[in-house]
Amino acid sequence: MERKYNKQPKLHIRTGDTVKVIAGNSKGQSGKVTKVLVEKQRAIVEGVNLITKHIKPTAANPQGELKKTEGSIHISNLMLVDPATGQPTRIGRKANEEGKLQRYSKESGKFIADPSK
């Protein structure tokens, strides 16, 4: 069912989550999500998928430099790490005690706390 007002998709990963890379060149690495690019369905993970940027020489920096930064990874290649067990887990959404939808781990069945709070 299409969302009525907010057309952005609901993603299973949020900023501040700890994730594990399940596919690609960085497979097996884990880190904390620093930024989620919702429109592109990609995320930037701390210390994962490092790319080298060539910085052109300038008057302030006549030598130039090679700068390593994190590249974005598609969210389908990331899996949330369950804070309770420390293992990668699939997630779902169900109502908590207050009746508000909250993420939960499908393996342990426990609710996942919002990383922004």
N, C-alpha and C. Protein backbone atom coordinates (compact mmCIF):
# COMPACT_ATOMS: atom_id res chain seq x y z
N MET A 1 0.84 -1.19 0.00
CA MET A 1 0.00 0.00 0.00
C MET A 1 0.88 1.24 0.00
N GLU A 2 0.58 2.17 -0.86
CA GLU A 2 1.37 3.38 -0.99
C GLU A 2 1.07 4.33 0.16
N ARG A 3 2.11 4.98 0.64
CA ARG A 3 1.93 5.94 1.73
C ARG A 3 1.26 7.19 1.20
N LYS A 4 0.35 7.77 1.99
CA LYS A 4 -0.47 8.87 1.52
C LYS A 4 0.27 10.21 1.48
N TYR A 5 0.98 10.55 2.56
CA TYR A 5 1.58 11.87 2.64
C TYR A 5 3.09 11.85 2.46
N ASN A 6 3.78 11.05 3.22
CA ASN A 6 5.23 10.98 3.13
C ASN A 6 5.59 9.88 2.13
N LYS A 7 6.05 10.26 0.95
CA LYS A 7 6.29 9.30 -0.13
C LYS A 7 7.62 8.56 0.01
N GLN A 8 8.47 8.96 0.99
CA GLN A 8 9.73 8.27 1.18
C GLN A 8 9.48 6.89 1.76
N PRO A 9 10.24 5.89 1.29
CA PRO A 9 10.03 4.54 1.81
C PRO A 9 10.52 4.42 3.25
N LYS A 10 9.93 3.50 4.00
CA LYS A 10 10.34 3.22 5.37
C LYS A 10 11.48 2.22 5.30
N LEU A 11 12.64 2.57 5.83
CA LEU A 11 13.82 1.72 5.74
C LEU A 11 14.06 0.98 7.05
N HIS A 12 14.73 -0.16 6.97
CA HIS A 12 14.98 -0.95 8.16
C HIS A 12 16.23 -0.50 8.91
N ILE A 13 16.94 0.48 8.37
CA ILE A 13 18.17 0.97 8.99
C ILE A 13 18.03 2.45 9.26
N ARG A 14 18.50 2.87 10.44
CA ARG A 14 18.46 4.27 10.83
C ARG A 14 19.86 4.74 11.22
N THR A 15 20.05 6.05 11.26
CA THR A 15 21.31 6.62 11.69
C THR A 15 21.57 6.22 13.14
N GLY A 16 22.78 5.74 13.41
CA GLY A 16 23.15 5.33 14.77
C GLY A 16 23.08 3.83 14.98
N ASP A 17 22.45 3.09 14.06
CA ASP A 17 22.38 1.63 14.18
C ASP A 17 23.75 1.02 13.91
N THR A 18 23.99 -0.14 14.52
CA THR A 18 25.17 -0.94 14.20
C THR A 18 24.74 -1.98 13.18
N VAL A 19 25.47 -2.03 12.06
CA VAL A 19 25.08 -2.93 10.97
C VAL A 19 26.26 -3.79 10.56
N LYS A 20 25.97 -4.89 9.86
CA LYS A 20 26.98 -5.77 9.29
C LYS A 20 26.75 -5.82 7.79
N VAL A 21 27.84 -5.77 7.03
CA VAL A 21 27.76 -5.83 5.57
C VAL A 21 27.66 -7.30 5.17
N ILE A 22 26.61 -7.63 4.39
CA ILE A 22 26.38 -9.02 4.01
C ILE A 22 26.72 -9.31 2.55
N ALA A 23 27.06 -8.30 1.77
CA ALA A 23 27.41 -8.50 0.37
C ALA A 23 28.32 -7.38 -0.11
N GLY A 24 29.13 -7.68 -1.10
CA GLY A 24 30.00 -6.67 -1.69
C GLY A 24 31.44 -6.83 -1.25
N ASN A 25 32.28 -5.85 -1.61
CA ASN A 25 33.71 -5.91 -1.29
C ASN A 25 33.99 -5.85 0.20
N SER A 26 33.13 -5.22 0.97
CA SER A 26 33.33 -5.06 2.41
C SER A 26 32.57 -6.11 3.21
N LYS A 27 32.23 -7.24 2.58
CA LYS A 27 31.43 -8.28 3.24
C LYS A 27 32.09 -8.74 4.54
N GLY A 28 31.28 -8.84 5.60
CA GLY A 28 31.77 -9.30 6.88
C GLY A 28 32.14 -8.18 7.84
N GLN A 29 32.36 -6.98 7.33
CA GLN A 29 32.71 -5.85 8.20
C GLN A 29 31.46 -5.30 8.86
N SER A 30 31.65 -4.67 10.01
CA SER A 30 30.51 -4.04 10.67
C SER A 30 30.92 -2.66 11.16
N GLY A 31 29.93 -1.82 11.39
CA GLY A 31 30.18 -0.46 11.84
C GLY A 31 28.89 0.25 12.14
N LYS A 32 29.03 1.50 12.55
CA LYS A 32 27.89 2.32 12.92
C LYS A 32 27.46 3.17 11.73
N VAL A 33 26.16 3.29 11.50
CA VAL A 33 25.63 4.08 10.39
C VAL A 33 25.74 5.56 10.76
N THR A 34 26.45 6.32 9.92
CA THR A 34 26.60 7.75 10.19
C THR A 34 25.57 8.59 9.44
N LYS A 35 25.12 8.09 8.29
CA LYS A 35 24.15 8.85 7.49
C LYS A 35 23.35 7.88 6.63
N VAL A 36 22.06 8.17 6.47
CA VAL A 36 21.19 7.38 5.60
C VAL A 36 20.69 8.28 4.48
N LEU A 37 20.93 7.88 3.24
CA LEU A 37 20.47 8.62 2.07
C LEU A 37 19.17 7.96 1.60
N VAL A 38 18.04 8.47 2.07
CA VAL A 38 16.75 7.83 1.87
C VAL A 38 16.37 7.79 0.39
N GLU A 39 16.60 8.88 -0.33
CA GLU A 39 16.20 8.97 -1.73
C GLU A 39 16.91 7.91 -2.58
N LYS A 40 18.19 7.67 -2.27
CA LYS A 40 18.99 6.71 -3.04
C LYS A 40 18.97 5.32 -2.42
N GLN A 41 18.36 5.16 -1.25
CA GLN A 41 18.33 3.91 -0.49
C GLN A 41 19.73 3.39 -0.23
N ARG A 42 20.59 4.28 0.25
CA ARG A 42 21.97 3.95 0.56
C ARG A 42 22.31 4.47 1.95
N ALA A 43 23.37 3.93 2.54
CA ALA A 43 23.81 4.36 3.86
C ALA A 43 25.33 4.48 3.88
N ILE A 44 25.83 5.38 4.72
CA ILE A 44 27.27 5.53 4.92
C ILE A 44 27.59 4.93 6.28
N VAL A 45 28.50 3.94 6.29
CA VAL A 45 28.85 3.21 7.50
C VAL A 45 30.28 3.55 7.88
N GLU A 46 30.50 3.81 9.16
CA GLU A 46 31.79 4.20 9.70
C GLU A 46 32.85 3.12 9.46
N GLY A 47 33.94 3.47 8.75
CA GLY A 47 35.06 2.55 8.55
C GLY A 47 34.84 1.45 7.53
N VAL A 48 33.76 1.52 6.76
CA VAL A 48 33.44 0.47 5.78
C VAL A 48 33.34 1.09 4.40
N ASN A 49 33.75 0.33 3.36
CA ASN A 49 33.70 0.77 1.97
C ASN A 49 34.52 2.05 1.77
N LEU A 50 35.78 2.01 2.19
CA LEU A 50 36.65 3.18 2.07
C LEU A 50 37.04 3.40 0.61
N ILE A 51 36.94 4.67 0.18
CA ILE A 51 37.34 5.04 -1.17
C ILE A 51 38.43 6.10 -1.07
N THR A 52 39.30 6.18 -2.07
CA THR A 52 40.39 7.14 -2.08
C THR A 52 40.02 8.29 -2.99
N LYS A 53 40.07 9.52 -2.45
CA LYS A 53 39.81 10.72 -3.24
C LYS A 53 41.14 11.44 -3.46
N HIS A 54 41.40 11.84 -4.69
CA HIS A 54 42.62 12.57 -5.02
C HIS A 54 42.32 14.06 -4.89
N ILE A 55 43.05 14.74 -3.99
CA ILE A 55 42.86 16.18 -3.78
C ILE A 55 43.93 16.92 -4.60
N LYS A 56 43.46 17.83 -5.41
CA LYS A 56 44.33 18.57 -6.31
C LYS A 56 45.24 19.53 -5.52
N PRO A 57 46.49 19.72 -5.95
CA PRO A 57 47.35 20.68 -5.26
C PRO A 57 46.80 22.11 -5.36
N THR A 58 46.90 22.85 -4.26
CA THR A 58 46.46 24.24 -4.22
C THR A 58 47.58 25.08 -3.62
N ALA A 59 47.37 26.40 -3.51
CA ALA A 59 48.38 27.27 -2.91
C ALA A 59 48.54 26.93 -1.42
N ALA A 60 47.45 26.61 -0.76
CA ALA A 60 47.51 26.27 0.66
C ALA A 60 48.11 24.87 0.87
N ASN A 61 47.86 23.98 -0.08
CA ASN A 61 48.36 22.60 0.01
C ASN A 61 49.06 22.26 -1.31
N PRO A 62 50.33 22.70 -1.49
CA PRO A 62 50.99 22.52 -2.78
C PRO A 62 51.30 21.06 -3.14
N GLN A 63 51.32 20.19 -2.14
CA GLN A 63 51.63 18.78 -2.38
C GLN A 63 50.42 18.02 -2.92
N GLY A 64 49.21 18.46 -2.55
CA GLY A 64 48.02 17.67 -2.87
C GLY A 64 47.95 16.52 -1.89
N GLU A 65 46.96 15.68 -1.99
CA GLU A 65 46.89 14.55 -1.06
C GLU A 65 45.92 13.48 -1.53
N LEU A 66 46.03 12.32 -0.91
CA LEU A 66 45.09 11.23 -1.09
C LEU A 66 44.28 11.14 0.19
N LYS A 67 42.97 11.27 0.07
CA LYS A 67 42.11 11.28 1.25
C LYS A 67 41.20 10.07 1.21
N LYS A 68 41.17 9.29 2.30
CA LYS A 68 40.29 8.12 2.38
C LYS A 68 38.99 8.52 3.07
N THR A 69 37.86 8.23 2.41
CA THR A 69 36.55 8.52 2.99
C THR A 69 35.64 7.31 2.80
N GLU A 70 34.56 7.30 3.56
CA GLU A 70 33.61 6.20 3.44
C GLU A 70 32.67 6.45 2.26
N GLY A 71 32.47 5.43 1.46
CA GLY A 71 31.51 5.49 0.37
C GLY A 71 30.18 4.94 0.84
N SER A 72 29.14 5.19 0.09
CA SER A 72 27.82 4.70 0.49
C SER A 72 27.63 3.26 0.04
N ILE A 73 26.77 2.53 0.78
CA ILE A 73 26.46 1.14 0.49
C ILE A 73 24.95 1.03 0.38
N HIS A 74 24.47 0.25 -0.57
CA HIS A 74 23.02 0.06 -0.70
C HIS A 74 22.50 -0.66 0.54
N ILE A 75 21.32 -0.25 1.03
CA ILE A 75 20.81 -0.80 2.30
C ILE A 75 20.45 -2.28 2.20
N SER A 76 20.26 -2.80 0.99
CA SER A 76 19.98 -4.23 0.85
C SER A 76 21.21 -5.07 1.19
N ASN A 77 22.39 -4.45 1.19
CA ASN A 77 23.62 -5.15 1.52
C ASN A 77 23.99 -5.01 2.99
N LEU A 78 23.11 -4.41 3.79
CA LEU A 78 23.36 -4.21 5.22
C LEU A 78 22.33 -4.97 6.03
N MET A 79 22.77 -5.49 7.17
CA MET A 79 21.87 -6.20 8.08
C MET A 79 22.08 -5.64 9.48
N LEU A 80 20.99 -5.33 10.15
CA LEU A 80 21.04 -4.75 11.48
C LEU A 80 21.59 -5.77 12.48
N VAL A 81 22.48 -5.31 13.37
CA VAL A 81 23.00 -6.17 14.43
C VAL A 81 22.12 -5.99 15.65
N ASP A 82 21.58 -7.10 16.17
CA ASP A 82 20.69 -7.08 17.34
C ASP A 82 21.50 -6.66 18.56
N PRO A 83 21.11 -5.57 19.24
CA PRO A 83 21.86 -5.13 20.42
C PRO A 83 21.85 -6.16 21.56
N ALA A 84 20.81 -6.97 21.65
CA ALA A 84 20.70 -7.95 22.74
C ALA A 84 21.66 -9.12 22.53
N THR A 85 21.75 -9.65 21.31
CA THR A 85 22.56 -10.85 21.06
C THR A 85 23.88 -10.55 20.38
N GLY A 86 23.99 -9.43 19.68
CA GLY A 86 25.20 -9.10 18.95
C GLY A 86 25.31 -9.80 17.61
N GLN A 87 24.24 -10.45 17.17
CA GLN A 87 24.21 -11.16 15.89
C GLN A 87 23.36 -10.39 14.88
N PRO A 88 23.68 -10.51 13.57
CA PRO A 88 22.83 -9.88 12.56
C PRO A 88 21.43 -10.48 12.60
N THR A 89 20.42 -9.64 12.39
CA THR A 89 19.05 -10.10 12.50
C THR A 89 18.16 -9.40 11.48
N ARG A 90 17.10 -10.10 11.08
CA ARG A 90 16.06 -9.46 10.28
C ARG A 90 15.18 -8.71 11.26
N ILE A 91 14.49 -7.68 10.77
CA ILE A 91 13.63 -6.91 11.67
C ILE A 91 12.22 -6.84 11.13
N GLY A 92 11.29 -6.58 12.03
CA GLY A 92 9.90 -6.36 11.68
C GLY A 92 9.39 -5.20 12.50
N ARG A 93 8.12 -4.87 12.33
CA ARG A 93 7.50 -3.80 13.12
C ARG A 93 6.23 -4.34 13.75
N LYS A 94 6.08 -4.06 15.05
CA LYS A 94 4.83 -4.39 15.72
C LYS A 94 4.59 -3.38 16.82
N ALA A 95 3.35 -3.31 17.29
CA ALA A 95 2.96 -2.32 18.29
C ALA A 95 3.55 -2.69 19.65
N ASN A 96 4.06 -1.66 20.36
CA ASN A 96 4.57 -1.88 21.70
C ASN A 96 3.44 -1.64 22.72
N GLU A 97 3.77 -1.50 24.01
CA GLU A 97 2.76 -1.35 25.06
C GLU A 97 1.90 -0.10 24.87
N GLU A 98 2.49 0.98 24.34
CA GLU A 98 1.74 2.23 24.12
C GLU A 98 0.93 2.20 22.83
N GLY A 99 1.08 1.15 22.04
CA GLY A 99 0.36 1.05 20.78
C GLY A 99 1.09 1.68 19.61
N LYS A 100 2.33 2.07 19.82
CA LYS A 100 3.12 2.70 18.76
C LYS A 100 3.97 1.63 18.06
N LEU A 101 4.07 1.72 16.72
CA LEU A 101 4.87 0.76 15.98
C LEU A 101 6.34 0.93 16.32
N GLN A 102 7.01 -0.19 16.59
CA GLN A 102 8.41 -0.16 16.94
C GLN A 102 9.11 -1.35 16.28
N ARG A 103 10.39 -1.19 15.95
CA ARG A 103 11.14 -2.28 15.33
C ARG A 103 11.43 -3.37 16.36
N TYR A 104 11.43 -4.62 15.89
CA TYR A 104 11.80 -5.73 16.76
C TYR A 104 12.64 -6.73 15.99
N SER A 105 13.43 -7.50 16.71
CA SER A 105 14.28 -8.52 16.12
C SER A 105 13.47 -9.77 15.86
N LYS A 106 13.55 -10.30 14.65
CA LYS A 106 12.78 -11.51 14.33
C LYS A 106 13.42 -12.75 14.95
N GLU A 107 14.73 -12.71 15.25
CA GLU A 107 15.38 -13.86 15.86
C GLU A 107 15.09 -13.95 17.36
N SER A 108 15.31 -12.83 18.09
CA SER A 108 15.12 -12.86 19.54
C SER A 108 13.71 -12.46 19.95
N GLY A 109 12.99 -11.74 19.09
CA GLY A 109 11.64 -11.29 19.41
C GLY A 109 11.61 -10.05 20.28
N LYS A 110 12.76 -9.49 20.62
CA LYS A 110 12.83 -8.31 21.51
C LYS A 110 12.77 -7.04 20.69
N PHE A 111 12.23 -5.97 21.31
CA PHE A 111 12.17 -4.66 20.66
C PHE A 111 13.56 -4.06 20.56
N ILE A 112 13.79 -3.31 19.48
CA ILE A 112 15.07 -2.62 19.27
C ILE A 112 14.86 -1.16 19.61
N ALA A 113 15.69 -0.67 20.52
CA ALA A 113 15.57 0.72 20.97
C ALA A 113 15.98 1.66 19.83
N ASP A 114 15.30 2.81 19.76
CA ASP A 114 15.60 3.80 18.73
C ASP A 114 16.96 4.40 19.03
N PRO A 115 17.93 4.37 18.08
CA PRO A 115 19.29 4.86 18.36
C PRO A 115 19.36 6.37 18.58
N SER A 116 18.37 7.12 18.08
CA SER A 116 18.42 8.58 18.22
C SER A 116 17.98 9.04 19.61
N LYS A 117 17.35 8.15 20.38
CA LYS A 117 16.89 8.54 21.72
C LYS A 117 17.85 8.15 22.79
